Amino acid sequence: MINFIMSLLLGALAGWIAGKLMHSEGDFIRNMFLGIIGSVVGGILFSFLGFYARGTFANMIVSVIGACICIWAGRKFL
């Protein structure tokens, strides 16, 4: 249960950071959603490139990059 809560908090933080980097308007729930989806997207993208995140800080970077990609894709296609 604590891992789930930590994942949500880190996802929210990653989404908030990505929102600030991409100058995206959004509330806390949207940022949390983008951070969680971004961590999945970033993990898949980096694994295709042969990189794997080890540790909380590395996972945060991957999540932020993935969330930025989600924001970019949302702007491009929606």
N, C-alpha and C. Protein backbone atom coordinates (compact mmCIF):
# COMPACT_ATOMS: atom_id res chain seq x y z
N MET A 1 0.82 -1.19 0.00
CA MET A 1 0.00 0.00 0.00
C MET A 1 0.87 1.26 0.00
N ILE A 2 1.95 1.23 0.76
CA ILE A 2 2.81 2.41 0.82
C ILE A 2 3.50 2.64 -0.52
N ASN A 3 3.82 1.58 -1.25
CA ASN A 3 4.43 1.73 -2.58
C ASN A 3 3.47 2.39 -3.56
N PHE A 4 2.20 2.05 -3.46
CA PHE A 4 1.19 2.65 -4.31
C PHE A 4 1.06 4.14 -4.03
N ILE A 5 1.04 4.50 -2.76
CA ILE A 5 0.94 5.91 -2.38
C ILE A 5 2.18 6.67 -2.83
N MET A 6 3.35 6.08 -2.67
CA MET A 6 4.58 6.73 -3.12
C MET A 6 4.59 6.89 -4.64
N SER A 7 4.07 5.92 -5.35
CA SER A 7 4.00 6.02 -6.82
C SER A 7 3.09 7.16 -7.23
N LEU A 8 1.97 7.32 -6.54
CA LEU A 8 1.07 8.43 -6.85
C LEU A 8 1.72 9.78 -6.55
N LEU A 9 2.41 9.87 -5.43
CA LEU A 9 3.08 11.12 -5.07
C LEU A 9 4.20 11.46 -6.03
N LEU A 10 5.02 10.47 -6.38
CA LEU A 10 6.09 10.71 -7.34
C LEU A 10 5.53 11.01 -8.72
N GLY A 11 4.43 10.36 -9.09
CA GLY A 11 3.78 10.65 -10.36
C GLY A 11 3.23 12.06 -10.40
N ALA A 12 2.65 12.48 -9.29
CA ALA A 12 2.14 13.85 -9.21
C ALA A 12 3.28 14.86 -9.32
N LEU A 13 4.36 14.59 -8.65
CA LEU A 13 5.53 15.48 -8.71
C LEU A 13 6.11 15.52 -10.13
N ALA A 14 6.23 14.37 -10.76
CA ALA A 14 6.75 14.31 -12.13
C ALA A 14 5.83 15.05 -13.10
N GLY A 15 4.53 14.89 -12.93
CA GLY A 15 3.57 15.59 -13.79
C GLY A 15 3.63 17.10 -13.57
N TRP A 16 3.79 17.51 -12.33
CA TRP A 16 3.89 18.94 -12.02
C TRP A 16 5.14 19.54 -12.65
N ILE A 17 6.28 18.84 -12.52
CA ILE A 17 7.54 19.31 -13.11
C ILE A 17 7.41 19.39 -14.63
N ALA A 18 6.84 18.35 -15.24
CA ALA A 18 6.66 18.35 -16.70
C ALA A 18 5.73 19.48 -17.13
N GLY A 19 4.68 19.72 -16.36
CA GLY A 19 3.76 20.81 -16.67
C GLY A 19 4.47 22.16 -16.64
N LYS A 20 5.35 22.35 -15.66
CA LYS A 20 6.11 23.60 -15.57
C LYS A 20 7.11 23.71 -16.73
N LEU A 21 7.76 22.62 -17.07
CA LEU A 21 8.74 22.64 -18.17
C LEU A 21 8.07 22.91 -19.52
N MET A 22 6.87 22.36 -19.69
CA MET A 22 6.18 22.48 -20.97
C MET A 22 5.18 23.64 -20.98
N HIS A 23 5.12 24.41 -19.90
CA HIS A 23 4.18 25.53 -19.77
C HIS A 23 2.75 25.08 -20.04
N SER A 24 2.39 24.00 -19.38
CA SER A 24 1.07 23.40 -19.55
C SER A 24 0.16 23.82 -18.40
N GLU A 25 -1.07 24.13 -18.72
CA GLU A 25 -2.06 24.44 -17.70
C GLU A 25 -2.75 23.14 -17.30
N GLY A 26 -2.89 22.93 -16.04
CA GLY A 26 -3.58 21.73 -15.58
C GLY A 26 -3.66 21.71 -14.08
N ASP A 27 -4.61 20.93 -13.56
CA ASP A 27 -4.76 20.84 -12.12
C ASP A 27 -3.98 19.65 -11.58
N PHE A 28 -4.10 19.43 -10.28
CA PHE A 28 -3.33 18.39 -9.61
C PHE A 28 -3.64 17.00 -10.16
N ILE A 29 -4.90 16.70 -10.39
CA ILE A 29 -5.30 15.37 -10.88
C ILE A 29 -4.74 15.12 -12.28
N ARG A 30 -4.83 16.11 -13.14
CA ARG A 30 -4.28 15.96 -14.49
C ARG A 30 -2.77 15.76 -14.44
N ASN A 31 -2.09 16.52 -13.60
CA ASN A 31 -0.65 16.37 -13.48
C ASN A 31 -0.27 15.00 -12.93
N MET A 32 -1.03 14.50 -11.96
CA MET A 32 -0.76 13.18 -11.42
C MET A 32 -0.96 12.12 -12.50
N PHE A 33 -2.03 12.24 -13.25
CA PHE A 33 -2.30 11.30 -14.34
C PHE A 33 -1.18 11.33 -15.38
N LEU A 34 -0.76 12.53 -15.78
CA LEU A 34 0.32 12.65 -16.75
C LEU A 34 1.63 12.09 -16.23
N GLY A 35 1.90 12.29 -14.95
CA GLY A 35 3.12 11.75 -14.36
C GLY A 35 3.14 10.24 -14.34
N ILE A 36 2.00 9.64 -14.00
CA ILE A 36 1.92 8.17 -13.95
C ILE A 36 2.01 7.59 -15.36
N ILE A 37 1.23 8.14 -16.28
CA ILE A 37 1.29 7.68 -17.67
C ILE A 37 2.68 7.96 -18.25
N GLY A 38 3.23 9.12 -17.89
CA GLY A 38 4.57 9.48 -18.37
C GLY A 38 5.64 8.53 -17.90
N SER A 39 5.50 8.00 -16.69
CA SER A 39 6.49 7.05 -16.21
C SER A 39 6.45 5.76 -17.03
N VAL A 40 5.26 5.36 -17.42
CA VAL A 40 5.14 4.17 -18.27
C VAL A 40 5.72 4.45 -19.66
N VAL A 41 5.34 5.59 -20.24
CA VAL A 41 5.84 5.96 -21.57
C VAL A 41 7.36 6.11 -21.54
N GLY A 42 7.87 6.80 -20.54
CA GLY A 42 9.31 7.00 -20.43
C GLY A 42 10.05 5.68 -20.23
N GLY A 43 9.49 4.80 -19.40
CA GLY A 43 10.11 3.49 -19.18
C GLY A 43 10.18 2.66 -20.45
N ILE A 44 9.10 2.67 -21.22
CA ILE A 44 9.08 1.93 -22.48
C ILE A 44 10.07 2.54 -23.47
N LEU A 45 10.05 3.86 -23.58
CA LEU A 45 10.94 4.55 -24.51
C LEU A 45 12.40 4.30 -24.17
N PHE A 46 12.75 4.44 -22.91
CA PHE A 46 14.14 4.24 -22.51
C PHE A 46 14.57 2.79 -22.62
N SER A 47 13.65 1.84 -22.39
CA SER A 47 14.01 0.43 -22.54
C SER A 47 14.26 0.08 -24.00
N PHE A 48 13.52 0.72 -24.93
CA PHE A 48 13.79 0.52 -26.35
C PHE A 48 15.18 1.04 -26.72
N LEU A 49 15.62 2.09 -26.04
CA LEU A 49 16.94 2.65 -26.29
C LEU A 49 18.05 1.91 -25.55
N GLY A 50 17.67 0.98 -24.67
CA GLY A 50 18.65 0.19 -23.93
C GLY A 50 19.06 0.80 -22.60
N PHE A 51 18.31 1.76 -22.11
CA PHE A 51 18.60 2.38 -20.82
C PHE A 51 17.54 1.96 -19.80
N TYR A 52 17.98 1.74 -18.57
CA TYR A 52 17.06 1.36 -17.50
C TYR A 52 17.33 2.23 -16.29
N ALA A 53 16.27 2.78 -15.72
CA ALA A 53 16.39 3.66 -14.56
C ALA A 53 16.54 2.82 -13.30
N ARG A 54 17.53 3.15 -12.51
CA ARG A 54 17.75 2.49 -11.22
C ARG A 54 17.72 3.55 -10.14
N GLY A 55 16.79 3.45 -9.23
CA GLY A 55 16.70 4.39 -8.13
C GLY A 55 15.60 5.41 -8.33
N THR A 56 15.27 6.09 -7.25
CA THR A 56 14.15 7.03 -7.26
C THR A 56 14.44 8.23 -8.15
N PHE A 57 15.63 8.79 -8.06
CA PHE A 57 15.96 9.98 -8.84
C PHE A 57 15.94 9.68 -10.34
N ALA A 58 16.51 8.54 -10.74
CA ALA A 58 16.51 8.16 -12.15
C ALA A 58 15.09 7.90 -12.64
N ASN A 59 14.27 7.27 -11.82
CA ASN A 59 12.87 7.04 -12.19
C ASN A 59 12.12 8.35 -12.32
N MET A 60 12.45 9.33 -11.49
CA MET A 60 11.80 10.63 -11.58
C MET A 60 12.15 11.31 -12.90
N ILE A 61 13.39 11.23 -13.30
CA ILE A 61 13.82 11.84 -14.57
C ILE A 61 13.09 11.17 -15.74
N VAL A 62 13.03 9.85 -15.73
CA VAL A 62 12.33 9.12 -16.78
C VAL A 62 10.84 9.48 -16.79
N SER A 63 10.24 9.62 -15.62
CA SER A 63 8.83 9.99 -15.53
C SER A 63 8.58 11.39 -16.07
N VAL A 64 9.45 12.32 -15.76
CA VAL A 64 9.30 13.69 -16.24
C VAL A 64 9.44 13.73 -17.76
N ILE A 65 10.42 13.03 -18.30
CA ILE A 65 10.60 13.00 -19.75
C ILE A 65 9.38 12.36 -20.42
N GLY A 66 8.89 11.27 -19.85
CA GLY A 66 7.69 10.62 -20.39
C GLY A 66 6.47 11.51 -20.32
N ALA A 67 6.32 12.25 -19.21
CA ALA A 67 5.18 13.17 -19.08
C ALA A 67 5.29 14.32 -20.08
N CYS A 68 6.51 14.79 -20.31
CA CYS A 68 6.71 15.84 -21.33
C CYS A 68 6.31 15.33 -22.71
N ILE A 69 6.64 14.08 -22.99
CA ILE A 69 6.25 13.48 -24.27
C ILE A 69 4.72 13.38 -24.36
N CYS A 70 4.07 12.99 -23.26
CA CYS A 70 2.60 12.92 -23.25
C CYS A 70 1.97 14.29 -23.47
N ILE A 71 2.52 15.33 -22.84
CA ILE A 71 2.00 16.69 -23.04
C ILE A 71 2.19 17.11 -24.48
N TRP A 72 3.36 16.85 -25.03
CA TRP A 72 3.64 17.21 -26.42
C TRP A 72 2.68 16.49 -27.36
N ALA A 73 2.49 15.19 -27.15
CA ALA A 73 1.60 14.40 -28.00
C ALA A 73 0.15 14.90 -27.87
N GLY A 74 -0.25 15.24 -26.66
CA GLY A 74 -1.59 15.76 -26.46
C GLY A 74 -1.81 17.07 -27.18
N ARG A 75 -0.81 17.93 -27.18
CA ARG A 75 -0.92 19.19 -27.91
C ARG A 75 -0.93 18.97 -29.41
N LYS A 76 -0.16 18.00 -29.86
CA LYS A 76 -0.01 17.75 -31.28
C LYS A 76 -1.26 17.09 -31.89
N PHE A 77 -1.83 16.13 -31.16
CA PHE A 77 -2.89 15.31 -31.73
C PHE A 77 -4.29 15.64 -31.21
N LEU A 78 -4.41 16.39 -30.13
CA LEU A 78 -5.74 16.71 -29.60
C LEU A 78 -6.10 18.14 -29.79
